[in-house]
C-alpha cells in the first residue's frame, strides 16, 4: 500500500504517520519499496511472526487466556498491496 493510501485510510496527519512508520521501520516490521515517486509500505511477516512468538513465549507464559501465537500472513487477494 502506498504511504498516501495508508494515510487516507487511517485518517492520520502526515507527520503522525511518518513517526509511526519510522518506529515500525526501526523494528524491521515494515519495508519501503519505491516505485517512481510513490513509496509503498510492505509488511515484514517473518519479523512480525518472530515478535508474536517472542511475546507469546515471554509475556504469556503460564497464562491460558493468552493462547498460542497466530502467525501473520499476507492477504490473499488479486489486488496489489
PDB file of N, CA and C in Angstrom:
ATOM      1  N   UNK A   1       0.848  -1.162   0.000  1.00  0.00           N
ATOM      2  CA  UNK A   1       0.000   0.000   0.000  1.00  0.00           C
ATOM      3  C   UNK A   1       0.899   1.232   0.000  1.00  0.00           C
ATOM      4  N   UNK A   2       0.496   2.234  -0.743  1.00  0.00           N
ATOM      5  CA  UNK A   2       1.305   3.448  -0.759  1.00  0.00           C
ATOM      6  C   UNK A   2       1.126   4.206   0.558  1.00  0.00           C
ATOM      7  N   UNK A   3       2.120   5.006   0.905  1.00  0.00           N
ATOM      8  CA  UNK A   3       2.057   5.792   2.133  1.00  0.00           C
ATOM      9  C   UNK A   3       0.844   6.715   2.098  1.00  0.00           C
ATOM     10  N   UNK A   4       0.561   7.327   0.949  1.00  0.00           N
ATOM     11  CA  UNK A   4      -0.592   8.211   0.817  1.00  0.00           C
ATOM     12  C   UNK A   4      -1.908   7.478   1.038  1.00  0.00           C
ATOM     13  N   UNK A   5      -2.039   6.290   0.464  1.00  0.00           N
ATOM     14  CA  UNK A   5      -3.248   5.475   0.661  1.00  0.00           C
ATOM     15  C   UNK A   5      -3.416   5.106   2.125  1.00  0.00           C
ATOM     16  N   UNK A   6      -2.319   4.730   2.765  1.00  0.00           N
ATOM     17  CA  UNK A   6      -2.357   4.364   4.170  1.00  0.00           C
ATOM     18  C   UNK A   6      -2.777   5.549   5.030  1.00  0.00           C
ATOM     19  N   UNK A   7      -2.229   6.723   4.726  1.00  0.00           N
ATOM     20  CA  UNK A   7      -2.574   7.931   5.486  1.00  0.00           C
ATOM     21  C   UNK A   7      -4.057   8.231   5.359  1.00  0.00           C
ATOM     22  N   UNK A   8      -4.590   8.152   4.139  1.00  0.00           N
ATOM     23  CA  UNK A   8      -6.008   8.420   3.920  1.00  0.00           C
ATOM     24  C   UNK A   8      -6.886   7.389   4.630  1.00  0.00           C
ATOM     25  N   UNK A   9      -6.501   6.127   4.549  1.00  0.00           N
ATOM     26  CA  UNK A   9      -7.261   5.057   5.180  1.00  0.00           C
ATOM     27  C   UNK A   9      -7.319   5.234   6.696  1.00  0.00           C
ATOM     28  N   UNK A  10      -6.187   5.609   7.290  1.00  0.00           N
ATOM     29  CA  UNK A  10      -6.117   5.765   8.743  1.00  0.00           C
ATOM     30  C   UNK A  10      -6.575   7.134   9.221  1.00  0.00           C
ATOM     31  N   UNK A  11      -6.607   8.114   8.319  1.00  0.00           N
ATOM     32  CA  UNK A  11      -7.013   9.467   8.703  1.00  0.00           C
ATOM     33  C   UNK A  11      -6.014  10.150   9.615  1.00  0.00           C
ATOM     34  N   UNK A  12      -4.735   9.881   9.407  1.00  0.00           N
ATOM     35  CA  UNK A  12      -3.682  10.474  10.228  1.00  0.00           C
ATOM     36  C   UNK A  12      -3.033  11.658   9.527  1.00  0.00           C
ATOM     37  N   UNK A  13      -2.523  12.569  10.330  1.00  0.00           N
ATOM     38  CA  UNK A  13      -1.718  13.663   9.784  1.00  0.00           C
ATOM     39  C   UNK A  13      -0.425  13.077   9.229  1.00  0.00           C
ATOM     40  N   UNK A  14       0.111  13.658   8.161  1.00  0.00           N
ATOM     41  CA  UNK A  14       1.350  13.120   7.576  1.00  0.00           C
ATOM     42  C   UNK A  14       2.484  12.949   8.587  1.00  0.00           C
ATOM     43  N   UNK A  15       2.680  13.922   9.466  1.00  0.00           N
ATOM     44  CA  UNK A  15       3.777  13.828  10.444  1.00  0.00           C
ATOM     45  C   UNK A  15       3.544  12.687  11.431  1.00  0.00           C
ATOM     46  N   UNK A  16       2.293  12.463  11.801  1.00  0.00           N
ATOM     47  CA  UNK A  16       1.966  11.377  12.725  1.00  0.00           C
ATOM     48  C   UNK A  16       2.237  10.029  12.084  1.00  0.00           C
ATOM     49  N   UNK A  17       1.796   9.869  10.832  1.00  0.00           N
ATOM     50  CA  UNK A  17       2.041   8.614  10.131  1.00  0.00           C
ATOM     51  C   UNK A  17       3.534   8.382   9.958  1.00  0.00           C
ATOM     52  N   UNK A  18       4.267   9.410   9.599  1.00  0.00           N
ATOM     53  CA  UNK A  18       5.720   9.287   9.441  1.00  0.00           C
ATOM     54  C   UNK A  18       6.370   8.811  10.738  1.00  0.00           C
ATOM     55  N   UNK A  19       5.956   9.363  11.859  1.00  0.00           N
ATOM     56  CA  UNK A  19       6.523   8.958  13.154  1.00  0.00           C
ATOM     57  C   UNK A  19       6.230   7.486  13.431  1.00  0.00           C
ATOM     58  N   UNK A  20       4.996   7.059  13.188  1.00  0.00           N
ATOM     59  CA  UNK A  20       4.640   5.655  13.421  1.00  0.00           C
ATOM     60  C   UNK A  20       5.403   4.728  12.480  1.00  0.00           C
ATOM     61  N   UNK A  21       5.497   5.104  11.207  1.00  0.00           N
ATOM     62  CA  UNK A  21       6.216   4.268  10.253  1.00  0.00           C
ATOM     63  C   UNK A  21       7.698   4.183  10.588  1.00  0.00           C
ATOM     64  N   UNK A  22       8.274   5.254  11.089  1.00  0.00           N
ATOM     65  CA  UNK A  22       9.685   5.219  11.478  1.00  0.00           C
ATOM     66  C   UNK A  22       9.925   4.223  12.604  1.00  0.00           C
ATOM     67  N   UNK A  23       8.996   4.127  13.543  1.00  0.00           N
ATOM     68  CA  UNK A  23       9.118   3.138  14.625  1.00  0.00           C
ATOM     69  C   UNK A  23       9.019   1.730  14.045  1.00  0.00           C
ATOM     70  N   UNK A  24       8.066   1.509  13.150  1.00  0.00           N
ATOM     71  CA  UNK A  24       7.914   0.190  12.532  1.00  0.00           C
ATOM     72  C   UNK A  24       9.126  -0.164  11.671  1.00  0.00           C
ATOM     73  N   UNK A  25       9.685   0.814  10.973  1.00  0.00           N
ATOM     74  CA  UNK A  25      10.903   0.579  10.178  1.00  0.00           C
ATOM     75  C   UNK A  25      12.072   0.213  11.085  1.00  0.00           C
ATOM     76  N   UNK A  26      12.230   0.940  12.178  1.00  0.00           N
ATOM     77  CA  UNK A  26      13.341   0.681  13.104  1.00  0.00           C
ATOM     78  C   UNK A  26      13.253  -0.730  13.688  1.00  0.00           C
ATOM     79  N   UNK A  27      12.035  -1.226  13.857  1.00  0.00           N
ATOM     80  CA  UNK A  27      11.842  -2.585  14.369  1.00  0.00           C
ATOM     81  C   UNK A  27      11.852  -3.622  13.246  1.00  0.00           C
ATOM     82  N   UNK A  28      12.068  -3.177  12.018  1.00  0.00           N
ATOM     83  CA  UNK A  28      12.084  -4.038  10.826  1.00  0.00           C
ATOM     84  C   UNK A  28      10.746  -4.747  10.618  1.00  0.00           C
ATOM     85  N   UNK A  29       9.648  -4.134  11.054  1.00  0.00           N
ATOM     86  CA  UNK A  29       8.322  -4.715  10.864  1.00  0.00           C
ATOM     87  C   UNK A  29       7.710  -4.321   9.519  1.00  0.00           C
ATOM     88  N   UNK A  30       8.243  -3.275   8.896  1.00  0.00           N
ATOM     89  CA  UNK A  30       7.822  -2.879   7.555  1.00  0.00           C
ATOM     90  C   UNK A  30       9.053  -2.508   6.740  1.00  0.00           C
ATOM     91  N   UNK A  31       8.900  -2.598   5.426  1.00  0.00           N
ATOM     92  CA  UNK A  31       9.942  -2.196   4.485  1.00  0.00           C
ATOM     93  C   UNK A  31       9.339  -1.221   3.496  1.00  0.00           C
ATOM     94  N   UNK A  32      10.143  -0.311   3.000  1.00  0.00           N
ATOM     95  CA  UNK A  32       9.723   0.618   1.958  1.00  0.00           C
ATOM     96  C   UNK A  32      10.127   0.060   0.600  1.00  0.00           C
ATOM     97  N   UNK A  33       9.286   0.328  -0.386  1.00  0.00           N
ATOM     98  CA  UNK A  33       9.624  -0.011  -1.765  1.00  0.00           C
ATOM     99  C   UNK A  33       9.244   1.196  -2.611  1.00  0.00           C
ATOM    100  N   UNK A  34      10.233   1.800  -3.225  1.00  0.00           N
ATOM    101  CA  UNK A  34       9.981   2.991  -4.049  1.00  0.00           C
ATOM    102  C   UNK A  34       9.590   2.554  -5.450  1.00  0.00           C
ATOM    103  N   UNK A  35       8.494   3.139  -5.932  1.00  0.00           N
ATOM    104  CA  UNK A  35       8.022   2.924  -7.301  1.00  0.00           C
ATOM    105  C   UNK A  35       7.857   4.298  -7.927  1.00  0.00           C
ATOM    106  N   UNK A  36       8.908   4.805  -8.530  1.00  0.00           N
ATOM    107  CA  UNK A  36       8.892   6.164  -9.066  1.00  0.00           C
ATOM    108  C   UNK A  36       8.796   7.160  -7.919  1.00  0.00           C
ATOM    109  N   UNK A  37       7.745   7.957  -7.917  1.00  0.00           N
ATOM    110  CA  UNK A  37       7.552   8.939  -6.845  1.00  0.00           C
ATOM    111  C   UNK A  37       6.740   8.387  -5.685  1.00  0.00           C
ATOM    112  N   UNK A  38       6.260   7.157  -5.816  1.00  0.00           N
ATOM    113  CA  UNK A  38       5.409   6.539  -4.795  1.00  0.00           C
ATOM    114  C   UNK A  38       6.253   5.632  -3.912  1.00  0.00           C
ATOM    115  N   UNK A  39       6.032   5.732  -2.606  1.00  0.00           N
ATOM    116  CA  UNK A  39       6.674   4.823  -1.661  1.00  0.00           C
ATOM    117  C   UNK A  39       5.606   3.875  -1.149  1.00  0.00           C
ATOM    118  N   UNK A  40       5.841   2.594  -1.330  1.00  0.00           N
ATOM    119  CA  UNK A  40       4.914   1.573  -0.842  1.00  0.00           C
ATOM    120  C   UNK A  40       5.475   0.969   0.436  1.00  0.00           C
ATOM    121  N   UNK A  41       4.589   0.695   1.355  1.00  0.00           N
ATOM    122  CA  UNK A  41       4.953   0.073   2.623  1.00  0.00           C
ATOM    123  C   UNK A  41       4.580  -1.400   2.532  1.00  0.00           C
ATOM    124  N   UNK A  42       5.514  -2.257   2.853  1.00  0.00           N
ATOM    125  CA  UNK A  42       5.286  -3.699   2.832  1.00  0.00           C
ATOM    126  C   UNK A  42       5.551  -4.267   4.220  1.00  0.00           C
ATOM    127  N   UNK A  43       4.644  -5.099   4.681  1.00  0.00           N
ATOM    128  CA  UNK A  43       4.806  -5.755   5.978  1.00  0.00           C
ATOM    129  C   UNK A  43       5.920  -6.796   5.889  1.00  0.00           C
ATOM    130  N   UNK A  44       6.685  -6.924   6.956  1.00  0.00           N
ATOM    131  CA  UNK A  44       7.714  -7.949   7.067  1.00  0.00           C
ATOM    132  C   UNK A  44       7.135  -9.058   7.946  1.00  0.00           C
ATOM    133  N   UNK A  45       6.470 -10.021   7.313  1.00  0.00           N
ATOM    134  CA  UNK A  45       5.754 -11.050   8.054  1.00  0.00           C
ATOM    135  C   UNK A  45       6.688 -11.948   8.858  1.00  0.00           C
ATOM    136  N   UNK A  46       7.870 -12.198   8.369  1.00  0.00           N
ATOM    137  CA  UNK A  46       8.826 -13.015   9.117  1.00  0.00           C
ATOM    138  C   UNK A  46       9.155 -12.343  10.450  1.00  0.00           C
ATOM    139  N   UNK A  47       9.410 -11.046  10.421  1.00  0.00           N
ATOM    140  CA  UNK A  47       9.722 -10.303  11.645  1.00  0.00           C
ATOM    141  C   UNK A  47       8.501 -10.237  12.573  1.00  0.00           C
ATOM    142  N   UNK A  48       7.306 -10.029  11.992  1.00  0.00           N
ATOM    143  CA  UNK A  48       6.081  -9.982  12.796  1.00  0.00           C
ATOM    144  C   UNK A  48       5.845 -11.307  13.510  1.00  0.00           C
ATOM    145  N   UNK A  49       6.032 -12.412  12.790  1.00  0.00           N
ATOM    146  CA  UNK A  49       5.834 -13.722  13.399  1.00  0.00           C
ATOM    147  C   UNK A  49       6.854 -13.987  14.494  1.00  0.00           C
ATOM    148  N   UNK A  50       8.083 -13.527  14.291  1.00  0.00           N
ATOM    149  CA  UNK A  50       9.094 -13.655  15.340  1.00  0.00           C
ATOM    150  C   UNK A  50       8.716 -12.872  16.579  1.00  0.00           C
ATOM    151  N   UNK A  51       8.179 -11.667  16.394  1.00  0.00           N
ATOM    152  CA  UNK A  51       7.736 -10.849  17.520  1.00  0.00           C
ATOM    153  C   UNK A  51       6.573 -11.513  18.250  1.00  0.00           C
ATOM    154  N   UNK A  52       5.599 -12.045  17.501  1.00  0.00           N
ATOM    155  CA  UNK A  52       4.481 -12.747  18.127  1.00  0.00           C
ATOM    156  C   UNK A  52       4.965 -13.945  18.936  1.00  0.00           C
ATOM    157  N   UNK A  53       5.891 -14.707  18.378  1.00  0.00           N
ATOM    158  CA  UNK A  53       6.421 -15.874  19.084  1.00  0.00           C
ATOM    159  C   UNK A  53       7.140 -15.450  20.360  1.00  0.00           C
ATOM    160  N   UNK A  54       7.944 -14.392  20.267  1.00  0.00           N
ATOM    161  CA  UNK A  54       8.664 -13.897  21.439  1.00  0.00           C
ATOM    162  C   UNK A  54       7.688 -13.438  22.524  1.00  0.00           C
ATOM    163  N   UNK A  55       6.711 -12.642  22.134  1.00  0.00           N
ATOM    164  CA  UNK A  55       5.752 -12.126  23.115  1.00  0.00           C
ATOM    165  C   UNK A  55       4.938 -13.251  23.739  1.00  0.00           C
ATOM    166  N   UNK A  56       4.541 -14.228  22.936  1.00  0.00           N
ATOM    167  CA  UNK A  56       3.777 -15.357  23.465  1.00  0.00           C
ATOM    168  C   UNK A  56       4.613 -16.147  24.459  1.00  0.00           C
ATOM    169  N   UNK A  57       5.855 -16.396  24.112  1.00  0.00           N
ATOM    170  CA  UNK A  57       6.725 -17.187  24.987  1.00  0.00           C
ATOM    171  C   UNK A  57       7.092 -16.435  26.260  1.00  0.00           C
ATOM    172  N   UNK A  58       7.370 -15.142  26.138  1.00  0.00           N
ATOM    173  CA  UNK A  58       7.896 -14.406  27.281  1.00  0.00           C
ATOM    174  C   UNK A  58       6.872 -13.599  28.058  1.00  0.00           C
ATOM    175  N   UNK A  59       5.772 -13.270  27.461  1.00  0.00           N
ATOM    176  CA  UNK A  59       4.773 -12.454  28.146  1.00  0.00           C
ATOM    177  C   UNK A  59       3.531 -13.244  28.521  1.00  0.00           C
ATOM    178  N   UNK A  60       3.270 -14.330  27.830  1.00  0.00           N
ATOM    179  CA  UNK A  60       2.046 -15.087  28.051  1.00  0.00           C
ATOM    180  C   UNK A  60       2.315 -16.410  28.764  1.00  0.00           C
ATOM    181  N   UNK A  61       3.561 -16.693  29.073  1.00  0.00           N
ATOM    182  CA  UNK A  61       3.911 -17.983  29.668  1.00  0.00           C
ATOM    183  C   UNK A  61       3.062 -18.256  30.905  1.00  0.00           C
ATOM    184  N   UNK A  62       2.362 -19.378  30.865  1.00  0.00           N
ATOM    185  CA  UNK A  62       1.565 -19.781  32.010  1.00  0.00           C
ATOM    186  C   UNK A  62       0.188 -19.143  32.083  1.00  0.00           C
ATOM    187  N   UNK A  63      -0.159 -18.299  31.138  1.00  0.00           N
ATOM    188  CA  UNK A  63      -1.464 -17.650  31.163  1.00  0.00           C
ATOM    189  C   UNK A  63      -2.318 -18.267  30.052  1.00  0.00           C
ATOM    190  N   UNK A  64      -3.317 -19.048  30.453  1.00  0.00           N
ATOM    191  CA  UNK A  64      -4.134 -19.773  29.491  1.00  0.00           C
ATOM    192  C   UNK A  64      -4.899 -18.837  28.554  1.00  0.00           C
ATOM    193  N   UNK A  65      -5.331 -17.680  29.046  1.00  0.00           N
ATOM    194  CA  UNK A  65      -6.110 -16.751  28.225  1.00  0.00           C
ATOM    195  C   UNK A  65      -5.318 -16.198  27.056  1.00  0.00           C
ATOM    196  N   UNK A  66      -4.009 -16.182  27.174  1.00  0.00           N
ATOM    197  CA  UNK A  66      -3.164 -15.614  26.135  1.00  0.00           C
ATOM    198  C   UNK A  66      -3.176 -16.495  24.892  1.00  0.00           C
ATOM    199  N   UNK A  67      -3.139 -17.807  25.084  1.00  0.00           N
ATOM    200  CA  UNK A  67      -3.197 -18.738  23.969  1.00  0.00           C
ATOM    201  C   UNK A  67      -1.960 -18.700  23.098  1.00  0.00           C
ATOM    202  N   UNK A  68      -1.895 -19.596  22.116  1.00  0.00           N
ATOM    203  CA  UNK A  68      -0.734 -19.638  21.224  1.00  0.00           C
ATOM    204  C   UNK A  68      -0.751 -18.474  20.241  1.00  0.00           C
ATOM    205  N   UNK A  69       0.416 -18.113  19.797  1.00  0.00           N
ATOM    206  CA  UNK A  69       0.538 -17.037  18.807  1.00  0.00           C
ATOM    207  C   UNK A  69      -0.025 -17.514  17.476  1.00  0.00           C
ATOM    208  N   UNK A  70      -0.711 -16.640  16.799  1.00  0.00           N
ATOM    209  CA  UNK A  70      -1.219 -16.922  15.464  1.00  0.00           C
ATOM    210  C   UNK A  70      -0.315 -16.182  14.489  1.00  0.00           C
ATOM    211  N   UNK A  71       0.198 -16.900  13.514  1.00  0.00           N
ATOM    212  CA  UNK A  71       1.134 -16.307  12.566  1.00  0.00           C
ATOM    213  C   UNK A  71       0.449 -15.272  11.676  1.00  0.00           C
ATOM    214  N   UNK A  72       1.192 -14.233  11.345  1.00  0.00           N
ATOM    215  CA  UNK A  72       0.727 -13.220  10.401  1.00  0.00           C
ATOM    216  C   UNK A  72       0.982 -13.740   8.992  1.00  0.00           C
ATOM    217  N   UNK A  73       0.092 -13.404   8.091  1.00  0.00           N
ATOM    218  CA  UNK A  73       0.270 -13.809   6.696  1.00  0.00           C
ATOM    219  C   UNK A  73      -0.293 -12.722   5.798  1.00  0.00           C
ATOM    220  N   UNK A  74       0.287 -12.561   4.624  1.00  0.00           N
ATOM    221  CA  UNK A  74      -0.246 -11.568   3.684  1.00  0.00           C
ATOM    222  C   UNK A  74      -1.663 -11.944   3.261  1.00  0.00           C
ATOM    223  N   UNK A  75      -2.445 -10.923   2.947  1.00  0.00           N
ATOM    224  CA  UNK A  75      -3.780 -11.181   2.421  1.00  0.00           C
ATOM    225  C   UNK A  75      -3.659 -11.853   1.065  1.00  0.00           C
ATOM    226  N   UNK A  76      -4.539 -12.775   0.810  1.00  0.00           N
ATOM    227  CA  UNK A  76      -4.551 -13.475  -0.473  1.00  0.00           C
ATOM    228  C   UNK A  76      -5.618 -12.840  -1.358  1.00  0.00           C
ATOM    229  N   UNK A  77      -5.240 -11.737  -2.008  1.00  0.00           N
ATOM    230  CA  UNK A  77      -6.176 -11.071  -2.914  1.00  0.00           C
ATOM    231  C   UNK A  77      -5.462 -10.805  -4.218  1.00  0.00           C
ATOM    232  N   UNK A  78      -6.233 -10.517  -5.214  1.00  0.00           N
ATOM    233  CA  UNK A  78      -5.656 -10.177  -6.511  1.00  0.00           C
ATOM    234  C   UNK A  78      -5.173  -8.740  -6.549  1.00  0.00           C
ATOM    235  N   UNK A  79      -5.628  -7.913  -5.577  1.00  0.00           N
ATOM    236  CA  UNK A  79      -5.261  -6.505  -5.555  1.00  0.00           C
ATOM    237  C   UNK A  79      -3.841  -6.344  -5.054  1.00  0.00           C
ATOM    238  N   UNK A  80      -3.142  -5.393  -5.599  1.00  0.00           N
ATOM    239  CA  UNK A  80      -1.788  -5.060  -5.150  1.00  0.00           C
ATOM    240  C   UNK A  80      -1.858  -4.375  -3.807  1.00  0.00           C
ATOM    241  N   UNK A  81      -0.889  -4.679  -2.930  1.00  0.00           N
ATOM    242  CA  UNK A  81      -0.874  -4.086  -1.598  1.00  0.00           C
ATOM    243  C   UNK A  81       0.181  -3.032  -1.496  1.00  0.00           C
TER     244      UNK A  81
END
